Each structure stands twice: as structure tokens, then as C-alpha cells.
Protein backbone atom coordinates (compact mmCIF):
# COMPACT_ATOMS: atom_id res chain seq x y z
CA UNK A 1 49.83 -10.55 -28.51
CA UNK A 2 48.30 -11.10 -25.15
CA UNK A 3 49.26 -14.17 -23.12
CA UNK A 4 47.94 -15.38 -19.78
CA UNK A 5 50.19 -17.81 -18.03
CA UNK A 6 48.99 -20.58 -15.90
CA UNK A 7 48.79 -19.85 -12.15
CA UNK A 8 50.86 -22.86 -11.04
CA UNK A 9 53.45 -22.45 -13.71
CA UNK A 10 54.15 -22.03 -17.44
CA UNK A 11 56.71 -22.37 -20.03
CA UNK A 12 58.90 -19.42 -21.29
CA UNK A 13 61.00 -19.50 -24.49
CA UNK A 14 64.65 -19.03 -23.52
CA UNK A 15 64.69 -15.70 -25.17
CA UNK A 16 61.81 -13.08 -25.30
CA UNK A 17 61.18 -13.21 -29.10
CA UNK A 18 62.21 -16.91 -29.79
CA UNK A 19 63.36 -20.01 -28.25
CA UNK A 20 66.44 -20.65 -30.20
CA UNK A 21 69.59 -21.43 -28.09
CA UNK A 22 71.81 -22.43 -31.00
CA UNK A 23 71.64 -22.65 -34.74
CA UNK A 24 74.12 -24.25 -37.11
CA UNK A 25 74.76 -24.41 -40.79
CA UNK A 26 76.90 -27.20 -42.24
CA UNK A 27 78.10 -27.62 -45.90
CA UNK A 28 79.92 -30.91 -46.89
CA UNK A 29 81.73 -31.79 -49.78
CA UNK A 30 82.37 -35.11 -51.44
CA UNK A 31 86.05 -34.71 -51.84
CA UNK A 32 88.54 -33.30 -49.26
CA UNK A 33 90.66 -30.33 -50.31
CA UNK A 34 94.30 -30.84 -51.14
CA UNK A 35 96.56 -29.32 -48.45
CA UNK A 36 97.53 -26.26 -50.64
CA UNK A 37 93.95 -25.42 -51.48
CA UNK A 38 92.96 -25.80 -47.61
CA UNK A 39 95.72 -23.17 -47.06
CA UNK A 40 94.00 -20.94 -49.52
CA UNK A 41 90.67 -21.44 -47.83
CA UNK A 42 92.36 -20.60 -44.41
CA UNK A 43 93.93 -17.41 -45.87
CA UNK A 44 90.31 -16.43 -47.14
CA UNK A 45 88.62 -16.75 -43.75
CA UNK A 46 91.48 -14.86 -42.26
CA UNK A 47 89.90 -11.84 -43.87
CA UNK A 48 87.18 -12.16 -41.27
CA UNK A 49 89.38 -12.09 -38.22
CA UNK A 50 87.40 -8.87 -37.09
CA UNK A 51 84.30 -10.96 -36.73
CA UNK A 52 86.21 -13.88 -35.05
CA UNK A 53 88.89 -12.48 -32.57
CA UNK A 54 89.65 -15.91 -31.41
CA UNK A 55 91.07 -18.70 -33.51
CA UNK A 56 92.64 -22.04 -33.57
CA UNK A 57 94.26 -24.69 -35.76
CA UNK A 58 92.58 -28.10 -36.30
CA UNK A 59 95.23 -30.83 -36.47
CA UNK A 60 94.47 -34.55 -36.50
CA UNK A 61 90.96 -33.89 -35.56
CA UNK A 62 91.80 -31.84 -32.60
CA UNK A 63 91.13 -27.91 -32.20
CA UNK A 64 94.03 -26.00 -30.72
CA UNK A 65 92.71 -22.87 -29.00
CA UNK A 66 94.43 -19.44 -28.97
CA UNK A 67 93.18 -17.71 -25.85
CA UNK A 68 93.90 -14.11 -26.36
CA UNK A 69 91.22 -12.49 -28.47
CA UNK A 70 93.78 -9.86 -29.83
CA UNK A 71 96.12 -12.62 -31.13
CA UNK A 72 96.75 -12.72 -34.95
CA UNK A 73 95.58 -15.71 -37.01
CA UNK A 74 98.31 -18.39 -36.40
CA UNK A 75 100.66 -19.31 -39.13
CA UNK A 76 99.61 -22.16 -41.32
CA UNK A 77 103.28 -23.32 -41.58
CA UNK A 78 103.16 -26.39 -39.11
CA UNK A 79 105.11 -29.45 -38.82
CA UNK A 80 101.97 -31.49 -39.23
CA UNK A 81 99.51 -31.12 -42.01
CA UNK A 82 96.47 -28.98 -41.01
CA UNK A 83 92.89 -30.37 -40.81
CA UNK A 84 91.38 -26.98 -40.78
CA UNK A 85 90.69 -23.86 -38.68
CA UNK A 86 88.15 -22.70 -36.11
CA UNK A 87 87.45 -19.07 -35.51
CA UNK A 88 85.21 -17.71 -32.90
CA UNK A 89 83.89 -14.68 -31.11
CA UNK A 90 83.29 -15.19 -27.28
CA UNK A 91 80.93 -13.41 -24.77
CA UNK A 92 82.46 -11.64 -21.71
CA UNK A 93 81.66 -14.92 -19.77
CA UNK A 94 83.72 -17.02 -22.19
CA UNK A 95 80.91 -18.66 -23.94
CA UNK A 96 80.97 -18.90 -27.84
CA UNK A 97 78.79 -16.45 -29.58
CA UNK A 98 79.56 -17.20 -33.20
CA UNK A 99 81.98 -20.01 -34.62
CA UNK A 100 83.23 -20.63 -38.14
CA UNK A 101 85.11 -23.77 -38.98
CA UNK A 102 86.54 -24.65 -42.31
CA UNK A 103 87.90 -28.19 -42.90
CA UNK A 104 89.15 -30.41 -45.69
CA UNK A 105 85.66 -31.40 -46.63
CA UNK A 106 83.19 -28.90 -44.70
CA UNK A 107 82.37 -25.46 -43.73
CA UNK A 108 80.35 -24.96 -40.56
CA UNK A 109 78.94 -21.74 -38.99
CA UNK A 110 77.34 -21.81 -35.47
CA UNK A 111 75.78 -19.13 -33.39
CA UNK A 112 74.33 -18.95 -29.97
CA UNK A 113 73.38 -15.10 -30.49
CA UNK A 114 70.39 -15.98 -32.92
CA UNK A 115 68.19 -13.04 -33.49
CA UNK A 116 66.38 -13.78 -36.66
CA UNK A 117 66.72 -16.13 -39.61
CA UNK A 118 67.57 -13.51 -42.21
CA UNK A 119 70.51 -12.09 -40.14
CA UNK A 120 71.79 -15.54 -39.27
CA UNK A 121 71.83 -16.76 -42.97
CA UNK A 122 73.32 -13.51 -44.16
CA UNK A 123 76.29 -14.21 -42.03
CA UNK A 124 76.62 -17.89 -42.88
CA UNK A 125 76.22 -17.15 -46.77
CA UNK A 126 78.93 -14.40 -46.58
CA UNK A 127 81.52 -16.83 -45.07
CA UNK A 128 80.39 -19.60 -47.48
CA UNK A 129 80.62 -17.41 -50.50
CA UNK A 130 84.06 -16.50 -49.64
CA UNK A 131 85.45 -19.99 -49.75
CA UNK A 132 83.03 -21.93 -52.01
CA UNK A 133 85.02 -21.46 -55.29
CA UNK A 134 88.25 -23.04 -53.85
CA UNK A 135 86.22 -26.20 -52.96
CA UNK A 136 85.02 -26.25 -56.55
CA UNK A 137 88.40 -25.69 -58.06
CA UNK A 138 89.48 -28.65 -56.10
CA UNK A 139 86.86 -30.83 -58.10
CA UNK A 140 84.64 -31.08 -54.98
CA UNK A 141 80.92 -31.30 -55.30
CA UNK A 142 78.56 -30.42 -52.70
CA UNK A 143 77.43 -33.84 -50.89
CA UNK A 144 75.04 -32.44 -48.28
CA UNK A 145 73.64 -29.21 -46.78
CA UNK A 146 72.36 -29.30 -43.10
CA UNK A 147 70.90 -26.87 -40.63
CA UNK A 148 70.49 -27.68 -36.84
CA UNK A 149 68.36 -25.80 -34.44
CA UNK A 150 68.24 -26.13 -30.57
CA UNK A 151 65.05 -24.48 -29.08
CA UNK A 152 64.80 -24.29 -25.34
CA UNK A 153 61.65 -23.66 -23.20
CA UNK A 154 61.89 -23.20 -19.47
CA UNK A 155 59.31 -24.03 -16.84
CA UNK A 156 58.53 -21.40 -14.38
CA UNK A 157 56.89 -23.01 -11.40
CA UNK A 158 57.41 -25.75 -8.90
CA UNK A 159 58.45 -29.12 -10.10
CA UNK A 160 55.47 -30.65 -8.63
CA UNK A 161 53.30 -28.66 -10.94
CA UNK A 162 55.28 -29.48 -14.06
CA UNK A 163 52.67 -29.66 -16.82
CA UNK A 164 54.10 -30.73 -20.20
CA UNK A 165 50.66 -30.35 -21.87
CA UNK A 166 51.21 -26.46 -21.67
CA UNK A 167 54.09 -26.75 -24.26
CA UNK A 168 53.85 -29.90 -26.26
CA UNK A 169 50.90 -31.04 -28.30
CA UNK A 170 49.31 -34.45 -27.41
CA UNK A 171 48.38 -34.96 -31.04
CA UNK A 172 51.79 -34.39 -32.47
CA UNK A 173 52.99 -37.37 -34.38
CA UNK A 174 56.73 -36.43 -33.24
CA UNK A 175 56.04 -36.89 -29.56
CA UNK A 176 55.57 -40.06 -27.82
CA UNK A 177 52.41 -40.18 -25.50
CA UNK A 178 54.03 -41.61 -22.48
CA UNK A 179 56.12 -38.37 -21.82
CA UNK A 180 53.00 -36.53 -20.54
CA UNK A 181 52.54 -38.97 -17.66
CA UNK A 182 56.28 -39.50 -16.93
CA UNK A 183 57.39 -38.79 -13.25
CA UNK A 184 60.98 -38.05 -13.95
CA UNK A 185 63.22 -36.74 -16.76
CA UNK A 186 63.11 -38.29 -20.29
CA UNK A 187 64.33 -38.26 -23.74
CA UNK A 188 62.66 -39.13 -27.12
CA UNK A 189 64.10 -39.41 -30.63
CA UNK A 190 62.57 -39.84 -33.90
CA UNK A 191 63.96 -39.69 -37.42
CA UNK A 192 63.41 -40.53 -41.03
CA UNK A 193 64.68 -40.23 -44.52
CA UNK A 194 62.27 -38.28 -46.75
CA UNK A 195 62.14 -37.48 -50.38
CA UNK A 196 61.21 -33.86 -51.00
CA UNK A 197 62.14 -34.11 -54.58
CA UNK A 198 63.54 -36.54 -57.35
CA UNK A 199 67.16 -35.23 -56.41
CA UNK A 200 67.25 -34.94 -52.81
CA UNK A 201 67.28 -37.28 -49.90
CA UNK A 202 66.35 -35.47 -46.69
CA UNK A 203 67.37 -36.91 -43.25
CA UNK A 204 65.06 -35.58 -40.47
CA UNK A 205 66.31 -36.06 -36.87
CA UNK A 206 64.41 -34.71 -33.97
CA UNK A 207 65.46 -35.16 -30.29
CA UNK A 208 63.33 -33.80 -27.41
CA UNK A 209 64.90 -33.67 -23.79
CA UNK A 210 63.34 -32.95 -20.60
CA UNK A 211 66.03 -31.96 -18.11
CA UNK A 212 67.03 -30.26 -14.91
CA UNK A 213 69.76 -27.55 -15.24
CA UNK A 214 71.50 -25.20 -12.86
CA UNK A 215 70.72 -21.56 -13.42
CA UNK A 216 72.33 -19.06 -11.10
CA UNK A 217 72.63 -21.55 -8.39
CA UNK A 218 68.95 -22.85 -8.68
CA UNK A 219 67.59 -25.92 -10.40
CA UNK A 220 65.16 -25.26 -13.18
CA UNK A 221 63.43 -27.73 -15.52
CA UNK A 222 63.55 -27.21 -19.23
CA UNK A 223 62.50 -28.86 -22.48
CA UNK A 224 64.96 -28.76 -25.44
CA UNK A 225 63.66 -29.59 -28.93
CA UNK A 226 66.78 -30.38 -31.27
CA UNK A 227 66.02 -30.58 -35.02
CA UNK A 228 68.69 -31.64 -37.51
CA UNK A 229 67.76 -31.49 -41.12
CA UNK A 230 70.02 -32.60 -43.82
CA UNK A 231 69.61 -32.64 -47.71
CA UNK A 232 71.96 -35.19 -49.24
CA UNK A 233 72.54 -35.51 -52.98
CA UNK A 234 73.73 -38.00 -55.63
CA UNK A 235 72.31 -41.02 -53.64
CA UNK A 236 71.35 -44.31 -55.28
CA UNK A 237 67.71 -44.13 -56.41
CA UNK A 238 67.85 -40.36 -56.73
CA UNK A 239 68.72 -38.22 -59.83
CA UNK A 240 72.25 -36.81 -59.91
CA UNK A 241 72.77 -33.17 -59.48
CA UNK A 242 75.15 -31.20 -61.62
CA UNK A 243 75.30 -27.46 -60.32
CA UNK A 244 77.12 -24.83 -62.38
CA UNK A 245 79.66 -22.79 -60.48
CA UNK A 246 78.03 -19.58 -61.10
CA UNK A 247 74.81 -20.99 -59.61
CA UNK A 248 76.06 -22.74 -56.64
CA UNK A 249 75.31 -20.19 -53.95
CA UNK A 250 71.80 -19.89 -55.21
CA UNK A 251 71.36 -23.75 -55.07
CA UNK A 252 72.83 -23.65 -51.45
CA UNK A 253 70.33 -20.88 -50.59
CA UNK A 254 67.26 -22.51 -52.02
CA UNK A 255 67.91 -25.72 -50.13
CA UNK A 256 68.88 -23.77 -46.76
CA UNK A 257 65.57 -21.81 -47.15
CA UNK A 258 63.59 -25.07 -47.77
CA UNK A 259 65.15 -26.76 -44.72
CA UNK A 260 64.30 -23.71 -42.55
CA UNK A 261 60.76 -23.72 -43.68
CA UNK A 262 60.48 -27.44 -42.88
CA UNK A 263 62.04 -26.94 -39.47
CA UNK A 264 59.36 -24.31 -38.71
CA UNK A 265 56.75 -26.68 -39.82
CA UNK A 266 58.02 -29.48 -37.57
CA UNK A 267 58.17 -27.11 -34.43
CA UNK A 268 54.80 -25.91 -35.16
CA UNK A 269 53.35 -29.45 -35.23
CA UNK A 270 55.13 -30.08 -31.74
CA UNK A 271 54.19 -27.05 -29.75
CA UNK A 272 50.69 -26.21 -28.57
CA UNK A 273 49.15 -23.35 -30.33
CA UNK A 274 49.62 -20.70 -27.52
CA UNK A 275 53.34 -21.35 -27.40
CA UNK A 276 53.74 -21.32 -31.20
CA UNK A 277 52.02 -17.98 -31.16
CA UNK A 278 54.32 -16.66 -28.63
CA UNK A 279 57.33 -17.35 -30.73
CA UNK A 280 55.79 -16.20 -33.87
CA UNK A 281 55.52 -19.64 -35.64
CA UNK A 282 51.89 -18.88 -36.36
CA UNK A 283 49.82 -15.59 -36.49
């Protein structure tokens, strides 16, 4: 695909093939695990310690990090009740590449090494599938399913030549018109509750930030687009859901795929066509 950048400057996605700096999947339950069942969940995710050499306990809402990547999973026999566990794989520079958190009422997978959607969801699904039955045995029901993407685009050129119209569509309903004439940094936020079907209340959150960041000692300007999409269940005014245990992963996958498709739709309506083509949102 050919692409001719503007002579005075242009926007590049933070990665060659895509713009995703971070992707997150979160599963919430309506009832917290009993302590004994949380211990079971921690034992199950301990089986993935080769995926996550670093680990820490979550006590009273705080994560206690264990620095050495070769340390074994800490014992769950603690003087204080555990709130959960966080496991991670770090890059050589210390930044988190992948992270898995299991807590009394949630499972979270986060990655900053996104390559493609199928690979990311395959991992998240594997970890979720390993623990979901313990939550269901606790009498917990899924209360919400959420995905979160941070897309970053970096301006190449002088700040004086910064041209937002080369990235964001002036016709987008998600972008305030004033940002195209702003002379300094800015932030915009929009959100709404949507009704994709009679059983699902969907929260759409979109944040767009124009900021200056330090990169290798230099200042560069970037635009970050953060989308947080959450399907919420058993809400007033919506039909109740009752998912059979043997169908729960299919239920989760269906909603995750729907949220991912909606995220792509939103981003496609925010970006100009040339940028959308560069990151393969459109053909």
C-alpha cells in the first residue's frame, strides 16, 4: 500500500502495522469469591508462571511486587486475607509486556505487545477459561465484559507545522471541532450508554489526548485515542441473562468479538481515510 507523507510533517502509528500501545480485557462478576475459592483461582493461574515470570500478591487493594523474574509464586498463606494476585512478564527495560490479574470479582489481562487481535484474544481466553468455573461454582454471575484500547499516533515534523487534519476527521461525531484550531495541547472526552440488544447495556467511553512526550531525550507530539467499551448485564430496563455453565466461554467470546468490531468502527469514524488504510481498518 503506497503512502505519501506531507512534506512538512505527518502522523505515524506507534507501530509499523498498527497503532495499539495497550490492549486490556476485563471480566467482572456480581459476587466476590469466598477466600477459599480465591485461593483455588490463584493456584490455577500459578500454572501459567512460565508465561508470567514476575508475580505479586494483592492485599487490601495494593499490589506487592516480587522483583526477581525467577522467584516462585509466593505462598498464599498470609496473615492478611488476599485480595488477589497479579502476574506479569517484563521487557528488558522493565516495562510490563503482559499482565494477568485475578481478584475476588474480576479477571484482567493487559498487553503492551499487541500484534493482532486473534493472538491477543487467544491468550486472554486461555487464562479466563482456566478460572471461570471456580467463579461460577461460587455462585457468581458475569456482570460486565470490557475491552480497552489505546491507539497512539506520533507527529513527525516541527511543532509549528502540526496539522491535526492529517489524522482526525473533521466530520467525526466523536471529535470536537475546536481542537483543529487549538494552539496548545488539549483533551476531549465523550461517552454514552447504548443498547446493542435487549439484554445488553453498553457503555462507550472515548478519550482523545494531544500531548508532548519525551522520547530519547527529544520532545515529540502525539495523539492518543483511548476507547473503553463495556457490555453490562442484568440492568434495570433490560432482559435478564441466564448463561449455562457449558456455554459461558462462548457467551464471553461473542461479546468480546462484538466489542472489538465496535471499537474498529469507532476508530474508523475518528481517523481520516489515509490513516485508517495505513493501519488496515479499511481496505
